[in-house]
Amino acid sequence: MDARRTFAGVCAALALTAMIGIARSGAMAADDLKLAPDLSFTDDSSSSFPIASKQSTDGALSSGEATVIFFGTAHCWNTNREAERLVALYPKYRGKMHFVIVDLNHVSAEQKPLVAKYYQGAIPTIAVVDSKGQVIYDRAGETASNRGDISNLQSLLNSVH
């Protein structure tokens, strides 16, 4: 009887460990997205990456959930303006979509496959992958021509939400 309990306990522990690993692989989205405080929206003087977040080195696509991948760098006012749009929409989609934020000057090992697959060679680039892994959008450049215009990006996110 003790051998059965020990075996059952080991099996339960292994199952719990596997469940934690699965949860971590899909749940490490960039979180708590905020704009860096010293951004310029008129020139390339900002030395900070425009989006500050927790789990900023995440590079996993989320299984069963759409993923938004943002590529950019510091010293780029186009990146800053697109980051402003994404951060403005973040509260609406937080918990409903997976966000991956890639600072191309500091790419994590987990993000390198995403850079190779989705980065368009110009900044900013946004890629959106639906819950089935299909690429819905993958383009370089801003999603609007006017600062603060979130309508195009919001339509894009609504289309996969």
Protein backbone atom coordinates (compact mmCIF):
# COMPACT_ATOMS: atom_id res chain seq x y z
CA MET A 1 0.00 0.00 0.00
CA ASP A 2 2.86 2.43 0.81
CA ALA A 3 4.45 1.77 -2.58
CA ARG A 4 1.17 2.66 -4.29
CA ARG A 5 0.86 5.89 -2.30
CA THR A 6 4.45 6.80 -3.09
CA PHE A 7 3.93 6.04 -6.78
CA ALA A 8 0.68 8.04 -6.80
CA GLY A 9 2.45 10.93 -5.06
CA VAL A 10 5.29 10.90 -7.58
CA CYS A 11 2.80 10.82 -10.48
CA ALA A 12 0.86 13.73 -9.00
CA ALA A 13 4.06 15.73 -8.53
CA LEU A 14 5.14 15.04 -12.12
CA ALA A 15 1.72 16.05 -13.45
CA LEU A 16 1.80 19.27 -11.44
CA THR A 17 5.31 20.06 -12.69
CA ALA A 18 4.20 19.49 -16.29
CA MET A 19 1.14 21.70 -15.82
CA ILE A 20 3.28 24.50 -14.39
CA GLY A 21 5.67 24.20 -17.34
CA ILE A 22 2.82 24.40 -19.83
CA ALA A 23 1.32 27.40 -18.07
CA ARG A 24 4.65 29.19 -18.05
CA SER A 25 5.29 28.58 -21.73
CA GLY A 26 2.04 30.24 -22.74
CA ALA A 27 1.58 32.78 -19.97
CA MET A 28 4.78 34.79 -20.01
CA ALA A 29 3.38 37.57 -22.17
CA ALA A 30 4.75 41.04 -21.81
CA ASP A 31 2.64 42.54 -19.08
CA ASP A 32 1.89 45.93 -17.59
CA LEU A 33 2.79 47.83 -20.76
CA LYS A 34 3.62 51.49 -20.17
CA LEU A 35 5.38 54.19 -22.13
CA ALA A 36 8.90 55.12 -21.10
CA PRO A 37 8.82 58.54 -19.44
CA ASP A 38 11.31 60.43 -21.64
CA LEU A 39 9.84 59.76 -25.08
CA SER A 40 9.88 62.33 -27.83
CA PHE A 41 7.19 62.18 -30.47
CA THR A 42 8.84 64.73 -32.76
CA ASP A 43 12.43 63.57 -33.11
CA ASP A 44 14.81 60.66 -32.48
CA SER A 45 16.21 61.95 -29.18
CA SER A 46 14.63 59.36 -26.87
CA SER A 47 17.32 57.00 -25.62
CA SER A 48 14.90 54.61 -23.90
CA PHE A 49 13.02 51.82 -25.58
CA PRO A 50 9.49 53.25 -25.79
CA ILE A 51 7.62 50.44 -24.00
CA ALA A 52 8.41 49.41 -20.46
CA SER A 53 6.90 46.08 -19.43
CA LYS A 54 7.23 43.06 -17.21
CA GLN A 55 8.34 39.82 -18.91
CA SER A 56 9.84 41.86 -21.72
CA THR A 57 12.09 39.00 -22.87
CA ASP A 58 9.17 36.66 -23.65
CA GLY A 59 9.30 35.15 -27.11
CA ALA A 60 6.56 32.53 -27.04
CA LEU A 61 3.47 32.56 -29.19
CA SER A 62 0.44 31.78 -27.09
CA SER A 63 -1.48 28.62 -27.81
CA GLY A 64 -5.19 29.32 -28.11
CA GLU A 65 -4.81 33.09 -27.95
CA ALA A 66 -3.90 35.74 -30.53
CA THR A 67 -0.39 37.18 -30.19
CA VAL A 68 0.71 40.72 -30.99
CA ILE A 69 4.45 41.11 -31.62
CA PHE A 70 5.88 44.63 -31.56
CA PHE A 71 9.39 45.25 -32.95
CA GLY A 72 11.20 48.54 -32.41
CA THR A 73 14.22 50.37 -31.01
CA ALA A 74 15.10 53.45 -29.02
CA HIS A 75 15.97 56.63 -30.96
CA CYS A 76 13.06 56.22 -33.39
CA TRP A 77 10.10 58.56 -33.24
CA ASN A 78 8.05 56.30 -35.57
CA THR A 79 8.53 53.46 -33.06
CA ASN A 80 7.57 55.83 -30.24
CA ARG A 81 4.32 56.85 -31.93
CA GLU A 82 3.35 53.25 -32.73
CA ALA A 83 4.26 52.23 -29.18
CA GLU A 84 1.96 55.00 -27.92
CA ARG A 85 -0.90 53.50 -29.95
CA LEU A 86 -0.25 49.98 -28.69
CA VAL A 87 0.02 51.07 -25.06
CA ALA A 88 -3.21 53.09 -25.40
CA LEU A 89 -5.05 49.95 -26.58
CA TYR A 90 -3.32 47.55 -24.19
CA PRO A 91 -5.83 47.91 -21.29
CA LYS A 92 -8.69 46.86 -23.59
CA TYR A 93 -6.92 43.70 -24.83
CA ARG A 94 -4.90 42.78 -21.73
CA GLY A 95 -5.72 39.21 -20.75
CA LYS A 96 -7.44 38.61 -24.10
CA MET A 97 -4.33 38.67 -26.28
CA HIS A 98 -0.70 37.74 -25.78
CA PHE A 99 1.77 40.64 -26.20
CA VAL A 100 5.42 40.18 -27.12
CA ILE A 101 7.58 43.31 -27.11
CA VAL A 102 10.92 43.06 -28.92
CA ASP A 103 13.63 45.68 -28.43
CA LEU A 104 15.76 44.94 -31.48
CA ASN A 105 18.81 46.33 -29.69
CA HIS A 106 18.36 43.79 -26.88
CA VAL A 107 16.77 40.67 -28.38
CA SER A 108 16.46 37.79 -25.90
CA ALA A 109 17.32 34.23 -26.88
CA GLU A 110 13.58 33.41 -26.73
CA GLN A 111 12.79 36.23 -29.19
CA LYS A 112 15.38 35.41 -31.86
CA PRO A 113 13.08 32.95 -33.71
CA LEU A 114 10.35 35.63 -33.81
CA VAL A 115 12.77 38.17 -35.25
CA ALA A 116 13.84 35.70 -37.93
CA LYS A 117 10.26 34.83 -38.85
CA TYR A 118 8.28 38.08 -38.46
CA TYR A 119 10.59 41.11 -38.44
CA GLN A 120 10.31 43.03 -41.73
CA GLY A 121 13.69 44.79 -41.58
CA ALA A 122 12.28 48.23 -40.73
CA ILE A 123 10.88 49.75 -37.56
CA PRO A 124 8.34 49.69 -36.20
CA THR A 125 7.04 46.31 -37.29
CA ILE A 126 3.89 44.74 -35.91
CA ALA A 127 2.96 41.11 -36.46
CA VAL A 128 -0.33 39.62 -35.32
CA VAL A 129 -0.79 35.86 -35.17
CA ASP A 130 -4.25 34.44 -34.50
CA SER A 131 -5.06 31.74 -31.96
CA LYS A 132 -4.46 29.03 -34.58
CA GLY A 133 -0.98 30.28 -35.46
CA GLN A 134 -2.00 31.98 -38.73
CA VAL A 135 -0.34 35.31 -39.53
CA ILE A 136 -3.06 37.95 -39.80
CA TYR A 137 -0.79 40.98 -40.16
CA ASP A 138 2.96 41.41 -40.54
CA ARG A 139 4.05 44.84 -41.74
CA ALA A 140 6.63 47.49 -41.09
CA GLY A 141 5.65 51.09 -40.57
CA GLU A 142 3.10 52.90 -38.49
CA THR A 143 -0.54 51.82 -38.57
CA ALA A 144 -1.68 55.47 -38.87
CA SER A 145 -0.27 58.73 -40.18
CA ASN A 146 -1.44 60.90 -37.28
CA ARG A 147 -0.16 60.69 -33.73
CA GLY A 148 -2.80 59.29 -31.40
CA ASP A 149 -4.89 57.72 -34.18
CA ILE A 150 -5.56 54.22 -32.89
CA SER A 151 -8.43 53.33 -35.26
CA ASN A 152 -6.44 51.14 -37.69
CA LEU A 153 -4.59 49.28 -34.95
CA GLN A 154 -7.81 48.83 -32.99
CA SER A 155 -9.58 47.42 -36.07
CA LEU A 156 -6.68 45.01 -36.58
CA LEU A 157 -6.80 43.81 -32.96
CA ASN A 158 -10.59 43.53 -33.07
CA SER A 159 -10.32 41.31 -36.15
CA VAL A 160 -8.46 38.62 -34.19
CA HIS A 161 -9.99 39.15 -30.76
